[in-house]
Amino acid sequence: MIADSRQESVETHNASACPVVSAISQVGTPWRLNVVYALQDDEHRFNELERVTDARSKTLSAALDELVDADVVARRMEEDAPVAVYYGLTEKGWELIRVLDELDAWTRRWGEEVPAGPNPRFRDD
């Protein structure tokens, strides 16, 4: 009962943060972010996403389902033989990439030191 009242107090106090909290809940896991980053290059099939994200099938499947439900990723099926399913970013997903680029810049300026090496988020355009 005390915990419930404390939770309500926190939610009331932080009501203005709710849209941000909601946004983070849609994409805020490392696996979901890895999928979003991988899809900024092009559409990918499930096996290709497994390879580029290094995710296990169950983990990738759950991340894709959540991103499709959040309308960040679109699932497209080609019914030619053999049937092929492709995943790509929606308009909402592309806008998220722009926001993540800003967050990346903020983190590089104010966050911890970023490890050296290639950044898979950036394409060589």
N, C-alpha and C. Protein backbone atom coordinates (compact mmCIF):
# COMPACT_ATOMS: atom_id res chain seq x y z
N MET A 1 0.82 -1.18 0.00
CA MET A 1 0.00 0.00 0.00
C MET A 1 0.87 1.26 0.00
N ILE A 2 1.91 1.26 0.82
CA ILE A 2 2.82 2.40 0.84
C ILE A 2 3.56 2.51 -0.48
N ALA A 3 3.95 1.36 -1.03
CA ALA A 3 4.65 1.36 -2.32
C ALA A 3 3.77 1.91 -3.42
N ASP A 4 2.47 1.53 -3.41
CA ASP A 4 1.54 2.04 -4.41
C ASP A 4 1.40 3.55 -4.31
N SER A 5 1.28 4.05 -3.09
CA SER A 5 1.13 5.49 -2.90
C SER A 5 2.40 6.23 -3.32
N ARG A 6 3.56 5.64 -3.05
CA ARG A 6 4.84 6.25 -3.47
C ARG A 6 4.93 6.29 -4.99
N GLN A 7 4.52 5.20 -5.65
CA GLN A 7 4.55 5.14 -7.12
C GLN A 7 3.64 6.22 -7.70
N GLU A 8 2.44 6.37 -7.15
CA GLU A 8 1.52 7.41 -7.63
C GLU A 8 2.12 8.80 -7.44
N SER A 9 2.79 9.02 -6.33
CA SER A 9 3.44 10.29 -6.07
C SER A 9 4.52 10.59 -7.09
N VAL A 10 5.33 9.58 -7.39
CA VAL A 10 6.40 9.74 -8.38
C VAL A 10 5.80 10.05 -9.75
N GLU A 11 4.76 9.30 -10.13
CA GLU A 11 4.13 9.51 -11.43
C GLU A 11 3.51 10.90 -11.53
N THR A 12 2.87 11.37 -10.46
CA THR A 12 2.28 12.71 -10.45
C THR A 12 3.35 13.77 -10.54
N HIS A 13 4.40 13.60 -9.75
CA HIS A 13 5.49 14.57 -9.72
C HIS A 13 6.21 14.66 -11.07
N ASN A 14 6.34 13.54 -11.76
CA ASN A 14 7.08 13.49 -13.01
C ASN A 14 6.18 13.45 -14.24
N ALA A 15 4.96 13.94 -14.12
CA ALA A 15 4.01 13.87 -15.23
C ALA A 15 4.55 14.51 -16.50
N SER A 16 5.32 15.59 -16.36
CA SER A 16 5.83 16.26 -17.55
C SER A 16 6.87 15.42 -18.29
N ALA A 17 7.46 14.45 -17.61
CA ALA A 17 8.45 13.58 -18.25
C ALA A 17 7.80 12.40 -18.96
N CYS A 18 6.51 12.20 -18.78
CA CYS A 18 5.83 11.02 -19.32
C CYS A 18 6.04 10.80 -20.82
N PRO A 19 5.97 11.83 -21.67
CA PRO A 19 6.20 11.56 -23.09
C PRO A 19 7.60 10.99 -23.36
N VAL A 20 8.60 11.48 -22.65
CA VAL A 20 9.96 10.98 -22.84
C VAL A 20 10.06 9.55 -22.33
N VAL A 21 9.48 9.29 -21.17
CA VAL A 21 9.48 7.93 -20.61
C VAL A 21 8.78 6.98 -21.57
N SER A 22 7.67 7.41 -22.14
CA SER A 22 6.94 6.58 -23.10
C SER A 22 7.80 6.29 -24.33
N ALA A 23 8.49 7.30 -24.84
CA ALA A 23 9.34 7.11 -26.01
C ALA A 23 10.46 6.13 -25.71
N ILE A 24 11.08 6.28 -24.56
CA ILE A 24 12.18 5.38 -24.20
C ILE A 24 11.67 3.96 -24.03
N SER A 25 10.47 3.79 -23.53
CA SER A 25 9.94 2.43 -23.35
C SER A 25 9.71 1.75 -24.69
N GLN A 26 9.49 2.51 -25.76
CA GLN A 26 9.28 1.92 -27.09
C GLN A 26 10.57 1.40 -27.71
N VAL A 27 11.67 2.08 -27.44
CA VAL A 27 12.92 1.72 -28.12
C VAL A 27 14.09 1.53 -27.16
N GLY A 28 13.84 1.61 -25.88
CA GLY A 28 14.91 1.72 -24.91
C GLY A 28 15.61 0.46 -24.46
N THR A 29 15.75 -0.53 -25.31
CA THR A 29 16.59 -1.67 -24.96
C THR A 29 17.74 -1.73 -25.96
N PRO A 30 18.87 -2.24 -25.53
CA PRO A 30 19.99 -2.33 -26.47
C PRO A 30 19.66 -3.12 -27.74
N TRP A 31 18.89 -4.19 -27.61
CA TRP A 31 18.58 -4.98 -28.81
C TRP A 31 17.70 -4.22 -29.78
N ARG A 32 16.71 -3.53 -29.27
CA ARG A 32 15.86 -2.74 -30.16
C ARG A 32 16.68 -1.65 -30.86
N LEU A 33 17.55 -1.00 -30.11
CA LEU A 33 18.39 0.03 -30.71
C LEU A 33 19.34 -0.56 -31.75
N ASN A 34 19.89 -1.73 -31.48
CA ASN A 34 20.76 -2.39 -32.47
C ASN A 34 20.00 -2.66 -33.77
N VAL A 35 18.76 -3.08 -33.65
CA VAL A 35 17.94 -3.35 -34.85
C VAL A 35 17.69 -2.05 -35.61
N VAL A 36 17.33 -1.00 -34.89
CA VAL A 36 17.08 0.29 -35.54
C VAL A 36 18.33 0.76 -36.27
N TYR A 37 19.49 0.68 -35.63
CA TYR A 37 20.74 1.08 -36.26
C TYR A 37 21.03 0.24 -37.50
N ALA A 38 20.80 -1.07 -37.41
CA ALA A 38 21.07 -1.95 -38.55
C ALA A 38 20.18 -1.62 -39.74
N LEU A 39 18.97 -1.18 -39.47
CA LEU A 39 18.02 -0.92 -40.55
C LEU A 39 18.21 0.45 -41.20
N GLN A 40 19.10 1.27 -40.68
CA GLN A 40 19.30 2.57 -41.31
C GLN A 40 20.04 2.43 -42.64
N ASP A 41 20.67 1.29 -42.89
CA ASP A 41 21.34 1.07 -44.17
C ASP A 41 20.36 0.67 -45.26
N ASP A 42 19.42 -0.20 -44.92
CA ASP A 42 18.48 -0.73 -45.90
C ASP A 42 17.56 -1.72 -45.21
N GLU A 43 16.58 -2.22 -45.94
CA GLU A 43 15.77 -3.31 -45.43
C GLU A 43 16.65 -4.54 -45.24
N HIS A 44 16.27 -5.37 -44.29
CA HIS A 44 17.00 -6.62 -44.07
C HIS A 44 16.02 -7.74 -43.79
N ARG A 45 16.42 -8.94 -44.19
CA ARG A 45 15.68 -10.14 -43.80
C ARG A 45 16.11 -10.53 -42.40
N PHE A 46 15.33 -11.40 -41.77
CA PHE A 46 15.58 -11.81 -40.39
C PHE A 46 16.99 -12.36 -40.22
N ASN A 47 17.40 -13.26 -41.10
CA ASN A 47 18.74 -13.87 -40.98
C ASN A 47 19.85 -12.82 -41.12
N GLU A 48 19.64 -11.85 -41.99
CA GLU A 48 20.63 -10.78 -42.13
C GLU A 48 20.72 -9.96 -40.84
N LEU A 49 19.57 -9.67 -40.24
CA LEU A 49 19.56 -8.93 -38.98
C LEU A 49 20.22 -9.71 -37.85
N GLU A 50 20.02 -11.02 -37.85
CA GLU A 50 20.70 -11.86 -36.86
C GLU A 50 22.20 -11.70 -36.98
N ARG A 51 22.68 -11.72 -38.22
CA ARG A 51 24.11 -11.63 -38.49
C ARG A 51 24.68 -10.26 -38.09
N VAL A 52 24.00 -9.19 -38.49
CA VAL A 52 24.56 -7.85 -38.24
C VAL A 52 24.40 -7.38 -36.80
N THR A 53 23.39 -7.90 -36.10
CA THR A 53 23.19 -7.49 -34.70
C THR A 53 23.81 -8.47 -33.72
N ASP A 54 24.14 -9.66 -34.19
CA ASP A 54 24.67 -10.72 -33.34
C ASP A 54 23.66 -11.14 -32.27
N ALA A 55 22.38 -11.01 -32.58
CA ALA A 55 21.32 -11.38 -31.64
C ALA A 55 20.91 -12.83 -31.85
N ARG A 56 20.45 -13.44 -30.80
CA ARG A 56 19.86 -14.78 -30.90
C ARG A 56 18.47 -14.64 -31.51
N SER A 57 17.98 -15.69 -32.14
CA SER A 57 16.69 -15.66 -32.83
C SER A 57 15.56 -15.17 -31.94
N LYS A 58 15.47 -15.72 -30.75
CA LYS A 58 14.37 -15.36 -29.83
C LYS A 58 14.45 -13.89 -29.44
N THR A 59 15.66 -13.42 -29.16
CA THR A 59 15.85 -12.02 -28.78
C THR A 59 15.50 -11.09 -29.93
N LEU A 60 15.99 -11.43 -31.12
CA LEU A 60 15.72 -10.60 -32.30
C LEU A 60 14.23 -10.60 -32.63
N SER A 61 13.60 -11.75 -32.56
CA SER A 61 12.18 -11.85 -32.84
C SER A 61 11.37 -10.97 -31.90
N ALA A 62 11.70 -11.00 -30.62
CA ALA A 62 10.99 -10.17 -29.64
C ALA A 62 11.23 -8.69 -29.92
N ALA A 63 12.47 -8.31 -30.22
CA ALA A 63 12.78 -6.91 -30.51
C ALA A 63 12.02 -6.44 -31.75
N LEU A 64 12.00 -7.25 -32.79
CA LEU A 64 11.28 -6.87 -34.01
C LEU A 64 9.78 -6.74 -33.76
N ASP A 65 9.21 -7.68 -33.02
CA ASP A 65 7.78 -7.60 -32.71
C ASP A 65 7.46 -6.30 -31.97
N GLU A 66 8.30 -5.94 -31.01
CA GLU A 66 8.07 -4.72 -30.23
C GLU A 66 8.22 -3.47 -31.10
N LEU A 67 9.21 -3.47 -31.99
CA LEU A 67 9.41 -2.31 -32.86
C LEU A 67 8.31 -2.20 -33.91
N VAL A 68 7.81 -3.32 -34.41
CA VAL A 68 6.69 -3.30 -35.35
C VAL A 68 5.45 -2.78 -34.63
N ASP A 69 5.19 -3.28 -33.41
CA ASP A 69 4.04 -2.81 -32.64
C ASP A 69 4.11 -1.31 -32.36
N ALA A 70 5.33 -0.79 -32.18
CA ALA A 70 5.52 0.64 -31.90
C ALA A 70 5.54 1.47 -33.17
N ASP A 71 5.40 0.83 -34.35
CA ASP A 71 5.41 1.50 -35.65
C ASP A 71 6.75 2.17 -35.94
N VAL A 72 7.83 1.61 -35.41
CA VAL A 72 9.18 2.10 -35.70
C VAL A 72 9.75 1.31 -36.88
N VAL A 73 9.36 0.05 -36.98
CA VAL A 73 9.82 -0.85 -38.04
C VAL A 73 8.60 -1.41 -38.75
N ALA A 74 8.73 -1.54 -40.07
CA ALA A 74 7.67 -2.14 -40.88
C ALA A 74 8.11 -3.53 -41.33
N ARG A 75 7.17 -4.42 -41.38
CA ARG A 75 7.41 -5.79 -41.85
C ARG A 75 6.75 -5.92 -43.22
N ARG A 76 7.54 -6.33 -44.22
CA ARG A 76 7.03 -6.46 -45.59
C ARG A 76 7.29 -7.88 -46.07
N MET A 77 6.26 -8.50 -46.64
CA MET A 77 6.39 -9.87 -47.10
C MET A 77 6.25 -9.94 -48.62
N GLU A 78 7.21 -10.62 -49.25
CA GLU A 78 7.11 -10.92 -50.67
C GLU A 78 6.68 -12.37 -50.79
N GLU A 79 5.59 -12.59 -51.49
CA GLU A 79 5.01 -13.92 -51.53
C GLU A 79 5.50 -14.78 -52.68
N ASP A 80 6.53 -14.34 -53.37
CA ASP A 80 7.11 -15.18 -54.40
C ASP A 80 7.74 -16.39 -53.72
N ALA A 81 7.96 -17.43 -54.50
CA ALA A 81 8.60 -18.62 -53.93
C ALA A 81 10.10 -18.40 -53.93
N PRO A 82 10.80 -18.55 -52.88
CA PRO A 82 10.28 -18.76 -51.52
C PRO A 82 9.81 -17.44 -50.92
N VAL A 83 8.91 -17.53 -49.96
CA VAL A 83 8.38 -16.35 -49.28
C VAL A 83 9.53 -15.65 -48.56
N ALA A 84 9.58 -14.33 -48.69
CA ALA A 84 10.64 -13.56 -48.04
C ALA A 84 10.01 -12.44 -47.22
N VAL A 85 10.50 -12.27 -46.00
CA VAL A 85 10.03 -11.21 -45.12
C VAL A 85 11.16 -10.22 -44.91
N TYR A 86 10.86 -8.95 -45.12
CA TYR A 86 11.84 -7.88 -44.97
C TYR A 86 11.39 -6.92 -43.88
N TYR A 87 12.37 -6.35 -43.20
CA TYR A 87 12.11 -5.36 -42.16
C TYR A 87 12.81 -4.07 -42.55
N GLY A 88 12.11 -2.95 -42.37
CA GLY A 88 12.69 -1.65 -42.68
C GLY A 88 12.12 -0.59 -41.76
N LEU A 89 12.77 0.54 -41.72
CA LEU A 89 12.32 1.63 -40.86
C LEU A 89 11.09 2.30 -41.46
N THR A 90 10.18 2.70 -40.59
CA THR A 90 9.03 3.51 -40.98
C THR A 90 9.44 4.98 -40.92
N GLU A 91 8.54 5.85 -41.26
CA GLU A 91 8.81 7.29 -41.12
C GLU A 91 9.15 7.61 -39.66
N LYS A 92 8.42 7.00 -38.76
CA LYS A 92 8.69 7.18 -37.32
C LYS A 92 10.09 6.68 -36.97
N GLY A 93 10.50 5.58 -37.56
CA GLY A 93 11.84 5.03 -37.33
C GLY A 93 12.93 5.95 -37.84
N TRP A 94 12.72 6.53 -39.03
CA TRP A 94 13.72 7.46 -39.58
C TRP A 94 13.83 8.71 -38.72
N GLU A 95 12.71 9.18 -38.20
CA GLU A 95 12.76 10.34 -37.31
C GLU A 95 13.50 9.98 -36.02
N LEU A 96 13.31 8.75 -35.56
CA LEU A 96 14.04 8.29 -34.38
C LEU A 96 15.54 8.29 -34.63
N ILE A 97 15.98 7.91 -35.83
CA ILE A 97 17.41 7.93 -36.16
C ILE A 97 17.96 9.34 -35.97
N ARG A 98 17.23 10.34 -36.42
CA ARG A 98 17.68 11.73 -36.26
C ARG A 98 17.81 12.09 -34.77
N VAL A 99 16.85 11.67 -33.97
CA VAL A 99 16.89 11.94 -32.53
C VAL A 99 18.08 11.21 -31.89
N LEU A 100 18.31 9.97 -32.29
CA LEU A 100 19.43 9.20 -31.74
C LEU A 100 20.77 9.81 -32.14
N ASP A 101 20.84 10.39 -33.33
CA ASP A 101 22.06 11.08 -33.73
C ASP A 101 22.34 12.26 -32.79
N GLU A 102 21.28 12.99 -32.41
CA GLU A 102 21.43 14.10 -31.47
C GLU A 102 21.85 13.59 -30.10
N LEU A 103 21.26 12.49 -29.67
CA LEU A 103 21.63 11.90 -28.38
C LEU A 103 23.08 11.42 -28.41
N ASP A 104 23.49 10.88 -29.54
CA ASP A 104 24.88 10.45 -29.70
C ASP A 104 25.83 11.65 -29.55
N ALA A 105 25.49 12.75 -30.18
CA ALA A 105 26.33 13.95 -30.08
C ALA A 105 26.37 14.45 -28.64
N TRP A 106 25.24 14.44 -27.96
CA TRP A 106 25.19 14.87 -26.57
C TRP A 106 26.05 13.97 -25.69
N THR A 107 25.95 12.67 -25.92
CA THR A 107 26.73 11.71 -25.12
C THR A 107 28.22 11.89 -25.35
N ARG A 108 28.60 12.12 -26.59
CA ARG A 108 30.01 12.33 -26.89
C ARG A 108 30.53 13.61 -26.23
N ARG A 109 29.67 14.59 -26.10
CA ARG A 109 30.09 15.85 -25.48
C ARG A 109 30.10 15.75 -23.95
N TRP A 110 29.08 15.11 -23.37
CA TRP A 110 28.89 15.15 -21.94
C TRP A 110 28.99 13.79 -21.25
N GLY A 111 28.95 12.74 -22.01
CA GLY A 111 28.94 11.42 -21.40
C GLY A 111 30.32 10.85 -21.18
N GLU A 112 30.34 9.59 -20.92
CA GLU A 112 31.61 8.89 -20.72
C GLU A 112 32.35 8.80 -22.04
N GLU A 113 33.63 8.48 -21.94
CA GLU A 113 34.45 8.34 -23.14
C GLU A 113 33.88 7.21 -24.01
N VAL A 114 33.78 7.47 -25.29
CA VAL A 114 33.27 6.49 -26.24
C VAL A 114 34.42 5.60 -26.69
N PRO A 115 34.22 4.27 -26.69
CA PRO A 115 35.30 3.38 -27.12
C PRO A 115 35.73 3.67 -28.55
N ALA A 116 37.00 3.46 -28.83
CA ALA A 116 37.52 3.66 -30.18
C ALA A 116 37.02 2.54 -31.09
N GLY A 117 37.04 2.79 -32.37
CA GLY A 117 36.63 1.78 -33.34
C GLY A 117 35.53 2.31 -34.22
N PRO A 118 35.11 1.51 -35.19
CA PRO A 118 34.07 1.97 -36.12
C PRO A 118 32.74 2.13 -35.40
N ASN A 119 31.98 3.12 -35.81
CA ASN A 119 30.65 3.35 -35.26
C ASN A 119 29.65 2.80 -36.26
N PRO A 120 28.96 1.70 -35.92
CA PRO A 120 28.03 1.09 -36.88
C PRO A 120 26.83 1.96 -37.18
N ARG A 121 26.62 3.02 -36.40
CA ARG A 121 25.47 3.88 -36.62
C ARG A 121 25.64 4.78 -37.83
N PHE A 122 26.88 5.05 -38.20
CA PHE A 122 27.09 6.01 -39.27
C PHE A 122 27.48 5.31 -40.56
N ARG A 123 26.82 5.70 -41.61
CA ARG A 123 27.13 5.16 -42.93
C ARG A 123 28.15 6.02 -43.61
N ASP A 124 28.87 5.44 -44.50
CA ASP A 124 29.81 6.21 -45.32
C ASP A 124 29.06 6.70 -46.55
N ASP A 125 28.48 7.88 -46.42
CA ASP A 125 27.70 8.44 -47.56
C ASP A 125 28.58 9.26 -48.46
